[in-house]
Amino acid sequence: DAVVTLSHSTVQQWLGRRWRNLFIQYASRDADAVHAASRPEFFGLRADSRPVEQRVAERFLKGKGVREWADAVPGGSSHLPPAPDLSAAGLSNETLVLWCPGLVNGMLP
């Protein structure tokens, strides 16, 4: 049964790790995300020397996800499908909020 399988804690941990890994791979190829995740070192005199995947994970993920940057494919995977064009779906390039069931409940105490 699919419900029993997806409710198993090991499967949920693996799925969460996989989605975080995909996020790191896609965000590592986005120049705006890399720019937001980068910070200048030594009073702005040197560029950020951390790997791109580490910068993205430390900026946008929290908890155990921060350490998952080492599992991501360096430089992003070239065989990933391209992200969909928002204008083709009738959406603008403004901030897009996707509804994730359980997201709010998972953050509540």
N, C-alpha and C. Protein backbone atom coordinates (compact mmCIF):
# COMPACT_ATOMS: atom_id res chain seq x y z
N ASP A 1 0.84 -1.18 0.00
CA ASP A 1 0.00 0.00 0.00
C ASP A 1 0.89 1.25 0.00
N ALA A 2 0.59 2.19 -0.88
CA ALA A 2 1.41 3.39 -1.03
C ALA A 2 1.38 4.28 0.21
N VAL A 3 0.25 4.35 0.86
CA VAL A 3 0.13 5.21 2.05
C VAL A 3 1.02 4.68 3.17
N VAL A 4 1.02 3.38 3.36
CA VAL A 4 1.85 2.78 4.41
C VAL A 4 3.33 2.97 4.08
N THR A 5 3.68 2.80 2.80
CA THR A 5 5.07 2.96 2.39
C THR A 5 5.55 4.39 2.61
N LEU A 6 4.75 5.36 2.18
CA LEU A 6 5.16 6.76 2.31
C LEU A 6 5.10 7.27 3.75
N SER A 7 4.39 6.58 4.61
CA SER A 7 4.34 7.02 6.01
C SER A 7 5.47 6.44 6.84
N HIS A 8 6.26 5.56 6.26
CA HIS A 8 7.40 4.98 6.98
C HIS A 8 8.48 6.05 7.15
N SER A 9 9.06 6.14 8.33
CA SER A 9 10.01 7.22 8.63
C SER A 9 11.26 7.18 7.76
N THR A 10 11.74 5.99 7.42
CA THR A 10 12.93 5.89 6.58
C THR A 10 12.66 6.42 5.18
N VAL A 11 11.50 6.10 4.64
CA VAL A 11 11.12 6.58 3.32
C VAL A 11 10.96 8.10 3.34
N GLN A 12 10.35 8.63 4.39
CA GLN A 12 10.18 10.08 4.49
C GLN A 12 11.53 10.79 4.60
N GLN A 13 12.46 10.22 5.34
CA GLN A 13 13.80 10.82 5.45
C GLN A 13 14.50 10.81 4.10
N TRP A 14 14.39 9.70 3.37
CA TRP A 14 15.04 9.60 2.06
C TRP A 14 14.42 10.58 1.08
N LEU A 15 13.09 10.69 1.07
CA LEU A 15 12.42 11.62 0.16
C LEU A 15 12.81 13.06 0.47
N GLY A 16 12.87 13.40 1.74
CA GLY A 16 13.28 14.75 2.12
C GLY A 16 14.70 15.05 1.68
N ARG A 17 15.56 14.08 1.87
CA ARG A 17 16.96 14.26 1.45
C ARG A 17 17.06 14.40 -0.06
N ARG A 18 16.29 13.64 -0.80
CA ARG A 18 16.31 13.71 -2.26
C ARG A 18 15.81 15.06 -2.75
N TRP A 19 14.73 15.57 -2.17
CA TRP A 19 14.20 16.87 -2.57
C TRP A 19 15.18 17.98 -2.23
N ARG A 20 15.83 17.90 -1.08
CA ARG A 20 16.83 18.92 -0.73
C ARG A 20 18.01 18.86 -1.69
N ASN A 21 18.40 17.65 -2.09
CA ASN A 21 19.50 17.49 -3.04
C ASN A 21 19.14 18.10 -4.39
N LEU A 22 17.91 17.86 -4.86
CA LEU A 22 17.47 18.47 -6.12
C LEU A 22 17.45 19.99 -6.01
N PHE A 23 17.01 20.51 -4.87
CA PHE A 23 17.00 21.96 -4.67
C PHE A 23 18.42 22.52 -4.77
N ILE A 24 19.37 21.87 -4.11
CA ILE A 24 20.75 22.35 -4.14
C ILE A 24 21.28 22.33 -5.57
N GLN A 25 20.98 21.27 -6.33
CA GLN A 25 21.46 21.18 -7.70
C GLN A 25 20.88 22.28 -8.58
N TYR A 26 19.57 22.52 -8.49
CA TYR A 26 18.95 23.57 -9.29
C TYR A 26 19.42 24.95 -8.86
N ALA A 27 19.48 25.21 -7.57
CA ALA A 27 19.87 26.53 -7.08
C ALA A 27 21.33 26.82 -7.39
N SER A 28 22.17 25.80 -7.48
CA SER A 28 23.58 26.01 -7.79
C SER A 28 23.78 26.49 -9.22
N ARG A 29 22.80 26.25 -10.08
CA ARG A 29 22.89 26.71 -11.46
C ARG A 29 22.24 28.07 -11.66
N ASP A 30 21.56 28.60 -10.66
CA ASP A 30 20.88 29.88 -10.76
C ASP A 30 21.80 30.99 -10.24
N ALA A 31 22.13 31.92 -11.11
CA ALA A 31 23.09 32.98 -10.75
C ALA A 31 22.57 33.85 -9.61
N ASP A 32 21.26 34.14 -9.60
CA ASP A 32 20.71 34.98 -8.53
C ASP A 32 20.78 34.28 -7.18
N ALA A 33 20.51 32.97 -7.16
CA ALA A 33 20.57 32.22 -5.91
C ALA A 33 22.01 32.14 -5.39
N VAL A 34 22.95 31.93 -6.31
CA VAL A 34 24.36 31.86 -5.90
C VAL A 34 24.82 33.22 -5.38
N HIS A 35 24.38 34.30 -6.04
CA HIS A 35 24.76 35.64 -5.58
C HIS A 35 24.20 35.92 -4.18
N ALA A 36 22.94 35.52 -3.95
CA ALA A 36 22.32 35.74 -2.64
C ALA A 36 22.99 34.90 -1.56
N ALA A 37 23.50 33.73 -1.93
CA ALA A 37 24.11 32.83 -0.95
C ALA A 37 25.58 33.15 -0.69
N SER A 38 26.20 33.93 -1.56
CA SER A 38 27.62 34.23 -1.42
C SER A 38 27.82 35.42 -0.50
N ARG A 39 28.93 35.38 0.21
CA ARG A 39 29.28 36.52 1.05
C ARG A 39 30.78 36.78 0.86
N PRO A 40 31.15 38.04 0.74
CA PRO A 40 32.57 38.34 0.56
C PRO A 40 33.36 38.03 1.83
N GLU A 41 34.57 37.58 1.63
CA GLU A 41 35.44 37.26 2.75
C GLU A 41 36.45 38.38 2.96
N PHE A 42 36.95 38.48 4.15
CA PHE A 42 38.00 39.42 4.53
C PHE A 42 37.63 40.85 4.12
N PHE A 43 36.55 41.35 4.70
CA PHE A 43 36.10 42.72 4.49
C PHE A 43 35.78 43.02 3.02
N GLY A 44 35.34 42.03 2.28
CA GLY A 44 34.94 42.23 0.89
C GLY A 44 36.08 42.25 -0.10
N LEU A 45 37.28 41.89 0.34
CA LEU A 45 38.42 41.93 -0.57
C LEU A 45 38.61 40.63 -1.34
N ARG A 46 38.03 39.54 -0.86
CA ARG A 46 38.14 38.25 -1.56
C ARG A 46 36.75 37.70 -1.81
N ALA A 47 36.63 36.96 -2.89
CA ALA A 47 35.36 36.30 -3.20
C ALA A 47 35.16 35.12 -2.26
N ASP A 48 33.94 34.66 -2.15
CA ASP A 48 33.60 33.52 -1.30
C ASP A 48 34.27 32.27 -1.86
N SER A 49 35.09 31.60 -1.05
CA SER A 49 35.85 30.45 -1.53
C SER A 49 35.15 29.12 -1.28
N ARG A 50 33.99 29.15 -0.63
CA ARG A 50 33.28 27.90 -0.37
C ARG A 50 32.70 27.36 -1.67
N PRO A 51 32.52 26.03 -1.78
CA PRO A 51 31.85 25.49 -2.97
C PRO A 51 30.44 26.06 -3.11
N VAL A 52 29.99 26.19 -4.34
CA VAL A 52 28.68 26.78 -4.60
C VAL A 52 27.58 26.01 -3.88
N GLU A 53 27.67 24.69 -3.89
CA GLU A 53 26.65 23.87 -3.24
C GLU A 53 26.58 24.15 -1.74
N GLN A 54 27.74 24.35 -1.11
CA GLN A 54 27.78 24.65 0.32
C GLN A 54 27.16 26.01 0.60
N ARG A 55 27.46 27.00 -0.24
CA ARG A 55 26.88 28.33 -0.05
C ARG A 55 25.36 28.28 -0.11
N VAL A 56 24.84 27.58 -1.12
CA VAL A 56 23.38 27.50 -1.30
C VAL A 56 22.74 26.78 -0.13
N ALA A 57 23.32 25.66 0.29
CA ALA A 57 22.74 24.88 1.39
C ALA A 57 22.75 25.67 2.69
N GLU A 58 23.84 26.35 2.99
CA GLU A 58 23.92 27.10 4.24
C GLU A 58 23.01 28.32 4.24
N ARG A 59 22.73 28.88 3.08
CA ARG A 59 21.88 30.07 3.01
C ARG A 59 20.39 29.72 3.03
N PHE A 60 19.99 28.66 2.31
CA PHE A 60 18.57 28.41 2.09
C PHE A 60 18.01 27.22 2.85
N LEU A 61 18.84 26.37 3.41
CA LEU A 61 18.34 25.21 4.15
C LEU A 61 18.66 25.36 5.63
N LYS A 62 17.92 24.66 6.45
CA LYS A 62 18.20 24.69 7.88
C LYS A 62 18.18 23.27 8.42
N GLY A 63 18.64 23.10 9.64
CA GLY A 63 18.66 21.77 10.24
C GLY A 63 19.71 20.87 9.60
N LYS A 64 19.36 19.63 9.39
CA LYS A 64 20.30 18.67 8.81
C LYS A 64 20.58 18.95 7.34
N GLY A 65 19.71 19.70 6.67
CA GLY A 65 19.90 19.99 5.26
C GLY A 65 21.14 20.79 4.96
N VAL A 66 21.63 21.54 5.94
CA VAL A 66 22.82 22.36 5.73
C VAL A 66 24.03 21.50 5.39
N ARG A 67 24.11 20.32 5.97
CA ARG A 67 25.27 19.45 5.74
C ARG A 67 25.14 18.59 4.50
N GLU A 68 24.03 18.66 3.79
CA GLU A 68 23.81 17.80 2.63
C GLU A 68 24.42 18.33 1.35
N TRP A 69 25.10 19.44 1.41
CA TRP A 69 25.69 19.99 0.20
C TRP A 69 26.77 19.07 -0.36
N ALA A 70 27.43 18.29 0.48
CA ALA A 70 28.50 17.41 0.01
C ALA A 70 27.95 16.27 -0.86
N ASP A 71 26.66 15.95 -0.71
CA ASP A 71 26.06 14.88 -1.51
C ASP A 71 25.62 15.35 -2.88
N ALA A 72 25.54 16.65 -3.10
CA ALA A 72 25.07 17.19 -4.38
C ALA A 72 26.16 17.02 -5.43
N VAL A 73 25.73 16.92 -6.67
CA VAL A 73 26.67 16.80 -7.78
C VAL A 73 27.37 18.15 -7.95
N PRO A 74 28.72 18.19 -7.93
CA PRO A 74 29.42 19.47 -8.05
C PRO A 74 29.09 20.18 -9.35
N GLY A 75 28.82 21.47 -9.25
CA GLY A 75 28.52 22.26 -10.43
C GLY A 75 27.12 22.04 -10.97
N GLY A 76 26.32 21.31 -10.27
CA GLY A 76 24.98 21.00 -10.77
C GLY A 76 25.06 19.90 -11.81
N SER A 77 24.03 19.14 -11.94
CA SER A 77 24.02 18.05 -12.91
C SER A 77 23.59 18.59 -14.26
N SER A 78 24.31 18.23 -15.31
CA SER A 78 23.96 18.73 -16.64
C SER A 78 22.79 17.99 -17.26
N HIS A 79 22.41 16.83 -16.71
CA HIS A 79 21.31 16.07 -17.30
C HIS A 79 19.97 16.33 -16.61
N LEU A 80 19.91 17.32 -15.74
CA LEU A 80 18.64 17.68 -15.12
C LEU A 80 17.76 18.39 -16.14
N PRO A 81 16.46 18.16 -16.11
CA PRO A 81 15.58 18.90 -17.03
C PRO A 81 15.57 20.37 -16.66
N PRO A 82 15.39 21.24 -17.64
CA PRO A 82 15.38 22.67 -17.32
C PRO A 82 14.17 23.04 -16.49
N ALA A 83 14.33 24.06 -15.68
CA ALA A 83 13.20 24.55 -14.89
C ALA A 83 12.16 25.14 -15.83
N PRO A 84 10.88 24.97 -15.54
CA PRO A 84 9.85 25.47 -16.45
C PRO A 84 9.85 26.99 -16.53
N ASP A 85 9.49 27.49 -17.71
CA ASP A 85 9.40 28.93 -17.92
C ASP A 85 8.12 29.44 -17.29
N LEU A 86 8.23 30.40 -16.39
CA LEU A 86 7.05 30.90 -15.69
C LEU A 86 6.11 31.66 -16.60
N SER A 87 6.66 32.33 -17.62
CA SER A 87 5.79 33.10 -18.51
C SER A 87 4.91 32.19 -19.35
N ALA A 88 5.37 30.99 -19.66
CA ALA A 88 4.56 30.04 -20.43
C ALA A 88 3.35 29.57 -19.63
N ALA A 89 3.46 29.59 -18.31
CA ALA A 89 2.35 29.17 -17.45
C ALA A 89 1.45 30.34 -17.07
N GLY A 90 1.72 31.52 -17.64
CA GLY A 90 0.92 32.69 -17.31
C GLY A 90 1.33 33.36 -16.02
N LEU A 91 2.52 33.06 -15.52
CA LEU A 91 3.01 33.64 -14.28
C LEU A 91 4.13 34.62 -14.59
N SER A 92 4.29 35.63 -13.76
CA SER A 92 5.37 36.57 -13.96
C SER A 92 6.61 36.08 -13.21
N ASN A 93 7.71 36.79 -13.37
CA ASN A 93 8.96 36.41 -12.72
C ASN A 93 9.06 36.98 -11.31
N GLU A 94 7.94 37.26 -10.69
CA GLU A 94 7.94 37.73 -9.31
C GLU A 94 8.03 36.53 -8.39
N THR A 95 8.01 36.79 -7.12
CA THR A 95 8.12 35.72 -6.14
C THR A 95 6.96 34.74 -6.29
N LEU A 96 7.28 33.48 -6.41
CA LEU A 96 6.28 32.43 -6.58
C LEU A 96 6.22 31.61 -5.30
N VAL A 97 5.05 31.50 -4.73
CA VAL A 97 4.86 30.72 -3.52
C VAL A 97 4.07 29.48 -3.88
N LEU A 98 4.67 28.33 -3.68
CA LEU A 98 4.00 27.07 -3.96
C LEU A 98 3.41 26.53 -2.67
N TRP A 99 2.23 25.99 -2.75
CA TRP A 99 1.59 25.42 -1.57
C TRP A 99 2.11 24.01 -1.36
N CYS A 100 2.65 23.75 -0.23
CA CYS A 100 3.15 22.43 0.14
C CYS A 100 2.33 21.94 1.32
N PRO A 101 1.45 20.97 1.11
CA PRO A 101 0.66 20.47 2.23
C PRO A 101 1.57 19.96 3.35
N GLY A 102 1.26 20.34 4.55
CA GLY A 102 2.03 19.91 5.71
C GLY A 102 3.19 20.82 6.04
N LEU A 103 3.48 21.79 5.19
CA LEU A 103 4.61 22.68 5.45
C LEU A 103 4.37 23.52 6.70
N VAL A 104 3.20 24.13 6.79
CA VAL A 104 2.91 24.97 7.95
C VAL A 104 2.76 24.11 9.20
N ASN A 105 2.06 22.99 9.07
CA ASN A 105 1.88 22.11 10.23
C ASN A 105 3.21 21.55 10.72
N GLY A 106 4.14 21.31 9.81
CA GLY A 106 5.44 20.79 10.20
C GLY A 106 6.28 21.79 10.96
N MET A 107 5.98 23.07 10.80
CA MET A 107 6.76 24.10 11.49
C MET A 107 6.13 24.51 12.81
N LEU A 108 4.88 24.14 13.03
CA LEU A 108 4.23 24.49 14.29
C LEU A 108 4.71 23.59 15.42
N PRO A 109 4.78 24.10 16.64
CA PRO A 109 5.23 23.26 17.76
C PRO A 109 4.20 22.23 18.15
